[in-house]
Amino acid sequence: MELKFQSSLPHQQKAVDAIAGVFDGIKMESPKRPYANPFVLKQVPGVGYNIRGIQQENNIPKEYRGYTHDYTCLSLDIKMETGTGKTYVYTKAMYELHRLYGINKFIVAVPSLAIKAGARQFMGDEAVKRHFRDECGYDAEIDLLPLEAPKKKKKGRQYFPQAVSEFVKGSCRDTKKIFVLLVNMQLLKVAKNYILSRDDYGSTVEGFYRPYDALKATQPFLIIDEPHRFSRDQKAFSVIQNEIAPQCIIRFGATFPDITVGRGKNKQLVKDYQNLLYDLNACQAFNQGLIKGVAKEHFEPT
């Protein structure tokens, strides 16, 4: 059975346009190495101006508007209710960022093997590739590189993980390719002799002995699926920030982590949004006919 898609569904296209619009008119430095992304100059005022304009256009609640400035990494959030096509949207966003700005190194981080399998099936499907090529008009194709944990420890010389090696070696001069490294949360660890953090491999990639250092050098854009399972106080998120150090993190989810702000009587629980660009909540999704309904269980005390 072949997958079939409808192009440019308004609720999906608005999310893609929101992401792409952040970088409209923003200067990017050409990569100094062929294996790296162009570098976004996040410090310029235009980034914040674009974000505020997108938030106003998409009717983001006032309490969540504003530009959260970070010199090390630009964070962007897309909230979409389950069942409205998050995987399709972040896949199309990668195509659009490549078309407009030449970004061709993306890391997609997912919380579980089941979600990883679904993302792998979708992005690797030939019908999906034809859709983005023939119906959407993108003159490039995703080279999907799923990172897998070693089945068992082998004796003798160890080699760089193949998926990481191919991802890093991918050249920005190859304008027909978008390199996507797909990883699950369990692989994002720092430990002795662990797949991404060990430095005793028998070969190097672009002069790097350690996979994390090689990934960092690509200046990747990193996509997080289901951000409530990648809260900022978890080790996996710390590894993303410190070991991979992406220049941009884009989180896609129906649910986002909660954080506590204020003290004493002023203490309150709020959503941990970082530059929220698009908010398609359950009520909006239902009213637009995108989901069938929202179920709520109520239990009476016995």
Protein backbone atom coordinates (compact mmCIF):
# COMPACT_ATOMS: atom_id res chain seq x y z
CA MET A 1 0.00 0.00 0.00
CA GLU A 2 1.42 3.38 -1.02
CA LEU A 3 1.14 6.47 1.15
CA LYS A 4 -0.76 9.42 -0.31
CA PHE A 5 -0.54 13.01 0.86
CA GLN A 6 -2.34 16.28 0.47
CA SER A 7 0.05 19.11 -0.25
CA SER A 8 0.07 22.39 1.63
CA LEU A 9 -2.60 21.67 4.25
CA PRO A 10 -3.01 25.10 5.89
CA HIS A 11 -2.38 23.97 9.48
CA GLN A 12 0.85 22.22 8.44
CA GLN A 13 2.10 24.87 6.05
CA LYS A 14 1.71 27.59 8.70
CA ALA A 15 4.07 25.69 10.97
CA VAL A 16 6.65 25.24 8.20
CA ASP A 17 6.39 28.92 7.23
CA ALA A 18 6.83 29.95 10.87
CA ILE A 19 10.13 28.11 11.14
CA ALA A 20 11.46 29.33 7.81
CA GLY A 21 10.34 32.89 8.57
CA VAL A 22 12.62 33.15 11.60
CA PHE A 23 15.64 33.38 9.27
CA ASP A 24 14.10 35.66 6.66
CA GLY A 25 16.64 38.37 5.84
CA ILE A 26 19.14 37.06 8.42
CA LYS A 27 22.74 36.91 7.33
CA MET A 28 24.38 33.50 7.40
CA GLU A 29 28.09 32.82 7.32
CA SER A 30 29.23 30.35 4.71
CA PRO A 31 30.62 27.16 6.23
CA LYS A 32 34.38 27.14 6.74
CA ARG A 33 34.48 23.38 6.21
CA PRO A 34 32.55 21.39 3.57
CA TYR A 35 31.02 19.16 6.25
CA ALA A 36 29.41 22.04 8.20
CA ASN A 37 26.14 23.94 7.94
CA PRO A 38 26.06 27.66 7.22
CA PHE A 39 26.20 29.54 10.52
CA VAL A 40 23.22 31.65 11.55
CA LEU A 41 24.12 35.02 13.05
CA LYS A 42 21.60 34.77 15.89
CA GLN A 43 22.75 37.91 17.67
CA VAL A 44 21.40 40.31 15.06
CA PRO A 45 18.15 42.14 16.01
CA GLY A 46 16.35 40.71 12.99
CA VAL A 47 15.94 37.28 14.59
CA GLY A 48 13.96 38.66 17.50
CA TYR A 49 11.97 40.93 15.21
CA ASN A 50 11.02 37.99 12.99
CA ILE A 51 10.04 35.81 15.94
CA ARG A 52 7.81 38.49 17.47
CA GLY A 53 6.13 39.08 14.11
CA ILE A 54 5.47 35.37 13.62
CA GLN A 55 4.06 35.06 17.14
CA GLN A 56 1.68 37.94 16.54
CA GLU A 57 0.57 36.57 13.17
CA ASN A 58 -0.09 33.13 14.69
CA ASN A 59 -1.94 34.53 17.71
CA ILE A 60 0.43 33.11 20.31
CA PRO A 61 -0.91 33.88 23.83
CA LYS A 62 0.63 37.10 25.13
CA GLU A 63 2.23 35.41 28.12
CA TYR A 64 4.27 33.24 25.76
CA ARG A 65 5.32 35.92 23.29
CA GLY A 66 8.80 37.40 23.16
CA TYR A 67 12.29 36.50 22.06
CA THR A 68 14.37 34.31 24.37
CA HIS A 69 17.91 35.25 23.46
CA ASP A 70 20.77 32.76 23.73
CA TYR A 71 24.18 33.29 22.14
CA THR A 72 24.99 29.57 22.08
CA CYS A 73 21.81 28.10 20.62
CA LEU A 74 18.60 29.39 19.09
CA SER A 75 15.56 27.55 20.47
CA LEU A 76 12.25 27.39 18.57
CA ASP A 77 9.04 25.63 19.60
CA ILE A 78 6.16 24.28 17.51
CA LYS A 79 3.11 22.99 19.39
CA MET A 80 0.87 20.66 17.39
CA GLU A 81 -1.78 18.32 18.73
CA THR A 82 -1.21 14.59 18.32
CA GLY A 83 -2.55 13.38 14.99
CA THR A 84 -2.09 16.65 13.08
CA GLY A 85 1.11 15.64 11.26
CA LYS A 86 4.17 16.64 13.31
CA THR A 87 6.47 14.19 11.51
CA TYR A 88 5.35 15.49 8.13
CA VAL A 89 5.85 19.08 9.27
CA TYR A 90 9.35 18.68 10.63
CA THR A 91 10.34 16.70 7.55
CA LYS A 92 9.01 19.43 5.25
CA ALA A 93 10.68 22.07 7.43
CA MET A 94 14.05 20.41 6.76
CA TYR A 95 13.41 20.55 3.02
CA GLU A 96 12.39 24.21 3.28
CA LEU A 97 15.39 25.25 5.39
CA HIS A 98 17.65 23.54 2.89
CA ARG A 99 15.95 25.20 -0.10
CA LEU A 100 16.01 28.70 1.37
CA TYR A 101 19.21 28.76 3.42
CA GLY A 102 21.36 25.79 2.44
CA ILE A 103 21.01 23.97 5.77
CA ASN A 104 21.73 20.31 5.07
CA LYS A 105 22.81 18.76 8.40
CA PHE A 106 19.94 17.85 10.73
CA ILE A 107 19.82 15.59 13.77
CA VAL A 108 16.38 14.25 14.76
CA ALA A 109 16.17 13.11 18.40
CA VAL A 110 13.23 10.96 19.49
CA PRO A 111 12.39 9.56 22.94
CA SER A 112 11.82 5.88 22.14
CA LEU A 113 12.58 3.06 19.73
CA ALA A 114 8.93 2.90 18.67
CA ILE A 115 8.87 6.57 17.62
CA LYS A 116 12.26 6.11 15.98
CA ALA A 117 10.89 3.24 13.91
CA GLY A 118 7.93 5.37 12.79
CA ALA A 119 10.13 8.33 11.86
CA ARG A 120 12.50 6.04 10.00
CA GLN A 121 9.70 4.43 8.05
CA PHE A 122 8.20 7.81 7.12
CA MET A 123 11.35 9.65 6.05
CA GLY A 124 12.76 6.61 4.26
CA ASP A 125 9.59 5.79 2.33
CA GLU A 126 9.94 6.17 -1.45
CA ALA A 127 6.39 7.55 -1.73
CA VAL A 128 7.29 10.27 0.78
CA LYS A 129 10.40 11.17 -1.18
CA ARG A 130 8.40 11.38 -4.41
CA HIS A 131 5.83 13.57 -2.70
CA PHE A 132 8.40 16.14 -1.63
CA ARG A 133 10.13 15.99 -5.01
CA ASP A 134 7.21 15.89 -7.44
CA GLU A 135 4.35 17.56 -5.57
CA CYS A 136 6.25 20.01 -3.36
CA GLY A 137 8.98 20.75 -5.91
CA TYR A 138 12.04 20.26 -3.70
CA ASP A 139 15.16 19.59 -5.75
CA ALA A 140 16.87 17.53 -3.05
CA GLU A 141 16.42 14.26 -1.18
CA ILE A 142 16.88 13.23 2.44
CA ASP A 143 19.73 10.83 3.10
CA LEU A 144 18.43 9.20 6.28
CA LEU A 145 21.08 7.81 8.64
CA PRO A 146 19.61 5.99 11.65
CA LEU A 147 22.12 5.52 14.48
CA GLU A 148 21.86 2.10 16.12
CA ALA A 149 23.40 0.82 19.34
CA PRO A 150 26.07 -1.87 18.86
CA LYS A 151 24.59 -5.33 19.28
CA LYS A 152 27.52 -6.58 21.30
CA LYS A 153 31.01 -5.54 22.20
CA LYS A 154 33.56 -6.77 19.71
CA LYS A 155 37.20 -7.44 20.36
CA GLY A 156 39.92 -5.76 18.36
CA ARG A 157 39.85 -2.49 16.48
CA GLN A 158 36.64 -0.48 16.70
CA TYR A 159 35.48 1.86 13.96
CA PHE A 160 33.49 5.08 13.97
CA PRO A 161 29.72 4.45 13.90
CA GLN A 162 28.88 4.28 10.21
CA ALA A 163 25.82 6.53 10.46
CA VAL A 164 27.86 9.27 12.17
CA SER A 165 30.69 8.88 9.68
CA GLU A 166 28.39 9.27 6.67
CA PHE A 167 26.56 12.17 8.30
CA VAL A 168 29.74 14.10 9.05
CA LYS A 169 31.35 13.40 5.68
CA GLY A 170 28.29 14.65 3.80
CA SER A 171 29.31 17.81 1.96
CA CYS A 172 27.43 21.11 1.77
CA ARG A 173 28.60 21.19 -1.85
CA ASP A 174 26.22 18.34 -2.60
CA THR A 175 23.14 20.51 -3.06
CA LYS A 176 20.93 17.51 -3.84
CA LYS A 177 21.32 15.91 -0.40
CA ILE A 178 19.93 16.66 3.06
CA PHE A 179 21.74 14.59 5.67
CA VAL A 180 19.57 13.50 8.59
CA LEU A 181 20.96 11.59 11.58
CA LEU A 182 18.14 9.86 13.49
CA VAL A 183 18.87 9.06 17.15
CA ASN A 184 16.85 7.83 20.11
CA MET A 185 17.25 9.22 23.62
CA GLN A 186 19.01 6.12 24.94
CA LEU A 187 22.01 6.79 22.67
CA LEU A 188 22.55 10.30 24.03
CA LYS A 189 24.88 9.42 26.86
CA VAL A 190 28.39 10.31 28.00
CA ALA A 191 30.17 7.30 29.39
CA LYS A 192 33.45 5.48 28.97
CA ASN A 193 33.49 3.30 25.87
CA TYR A 194 29.99 4.45 24.87
CA ILE A 195 29.19 4.72 21.16
CA LEU A 196 29.27 8.53 20.82
CA SER A 197 31.62 9.53 23.63
CA ARG A 198 34.53 7.09 23.27
CA ASP A 199 37.69 8.35 21.59
CA ASP A 200 39.61 5.14 20.95
CA TYR A 201 38.26 4.23 17.55
CA GLY A 202 40.79 2.84 15.10
CA SER A 203 40.04 5.55 12.55
CA THR A 204 39.04 9.20 12.45
CA VAL A 205 36.39 11.12 10.55
CA GLU A 206 37.49 14.51 9.22
CA GLY A 207 40.25 14.41 11.83
CA PHE A 208 37.93 13.73 14.79
CA TYR A 209 38.48 10.75 17.08
CA ARG A 210 35.31 11.27 19.11
CA PRO A 211 31.84 11.12 17.48
CA TYR A 212 30.39 13.88 19.66
CA ASP A 213 33.18 16.24 18.57
CA ALA A 214 32.57 15.38 14.93
CA LEU A 215 28.83 16.03 15.26
CA LYS A 216 29.46 19.36 16.98
CA ALA A 217 31.73 20.47 14.15
CA THR A 218 28.89 20.13 11.61
CA GLN A 219 27.00 23.01 13.33
CA PRO A 220 23.77 21.00 13.07
CA PHE A 221 20.15 21.96 13.41
CA LEU A 222 18.57 19.57 15.90
CA ILE A 223 14.90 18.56 15.97
CA ILE A 224 13.35 17.15 19.14
CA ASP A 225 10.18 15.09 18.89
CA GLU A 226 7.99 14.98 22.05
CA PRO A 227 9.83 17.64 24.11
CA HIS A 228 8.04 16.75 27.35
CA ARG A 229 10.24 13.65 27.37
CA PHE A 230 13.37 15.76 26.82
CA SER A 231 12.97 18.23 29.69
CA ARG A 232 15.88 20.57 30.33
CA ASP A 233 16.79 18.91 33.61
CA GLN A 234 17.31 15.51 31.97
CA LYS A 235 20.73 14.15 31.06
CA ALA A 236 19.78 13.65 27.42
CA PHE A 237 19.03 17.35 26.97
CA SER A 238 22.27 18.28 28.74
CA VAL A 239 24.17 16.03 26.34
CA ILE A 240 22.47 17.71 23.38
CA GLN A 241 23.45 21.16 24.63
CA ASN A 242 26.99 20.44 25.75
CA GLU A 243 28.23 17.60 23.57
CA ILE A 244 26.46 18.25 20.25
CA ALA A 245 25.98 22.01 20.75
CA PRO A 246 23.56 22.54 17.84
CA GLN A 247 23.22 26.07 16.60
CA CYS A 248 19.44 25.66 16.56
CA ILE A 249 17.04 23.36 18.43
CA ILE A 250 13.48 23.05 17.10
CA ARG A 251 11.07 21.21 19.39
CA PHE A 252 7.86 19.67 18.04
CA GLY A 253 5.22 18.37 20.40
CA ALA A 254 1.66 18.31 21.67
CA THR A 255 2.96 18.59 25.25
CA PHE A 256 5.84 20.64 26.62
CA PRO A 257 7.62 20.39 29.97
CA ASP A 258 6.45 22.43 32.97
CA ILE A 259 8.73 24.71 34.96
CA THR A 260 8.21 26.62 38.20
CA VAL A 261 8.67 30.39 38.17
CA GLY A 262 8.49 32.90 41.02
CA ARG A 263 8.83 32.36 44.75
CA GLY A 264 6.56 31.99 47.72
CA LYS A 265 3.00 33.13 47.01
CA ASN A 266 4.04 34.16 43.51
CA LYS A 267 5.22 30.66 42.59
CA GLN A 268 3.41 29.17 39.62
CA LEU A 269 3.73 26.36 37.12
CA VAL A 270 4.10 27.41 33.47
CA LYS A 271 4.98 25.71 30.21
CA ASP A 272 8.65 25.75 29.31
CA TYR A 273 8.29 27.36 25.92
CA GLN A 274 11.32 28.81 24.16
CA ASN A 275 10.27 31.14 21.35
CA LEU A 276 6.89 29.50 20.68
CA LEU A 277 6.08 30.08 17.01
CA TYR A 278 2.93 28.04 16.44
CA ASP A 279 0.23 26.71 18.76
CA LEU A 280 -2.26 24.22 17.36
CA ASN A 281 -3.92 22.98 20.54
CA ALA A 282 -6.56 20.27 20.99
CA CYS A 283 -9.50 22.67 20.84
CA GLN A 284 -8.29 24.32 17.63
CA ALA A 285 -7.49 20.97 16.05
CA PHE A 286 -10.99 19.70 16.87
CA ASN A 287 -12.71 22.84 15.57
CA GLN A 288 -10.77 22.57 12.30
CA GLY A 289 -11.81 18.95 11.90
CA LEU A 290 -8.23 17.69 12.22
CA ILE A 291 -8.97 15.27 15.06
CA LYS A 292 -12.17 13.43 15.93
CA GLY A 293 -12.45 14.50 19.54
CA VAL A 294 -10.90 14.85 22.94
CA ALA A 295 -11.71 12.28 25.60
CA LYS A 296 -11.68 13.07 29.28
CA GLU A 297 -12.21 10.56 32.04
CA HIS A 298 -13.80 11.52 35.32
CA PHE A 299 -13.73 9.30 38.37
CA GLU A 300 -16.15 9.68 41.24
CA PRO A 301 -14.70 9.16 44.72
CA THR A 302 -15.84 5.94 46.42
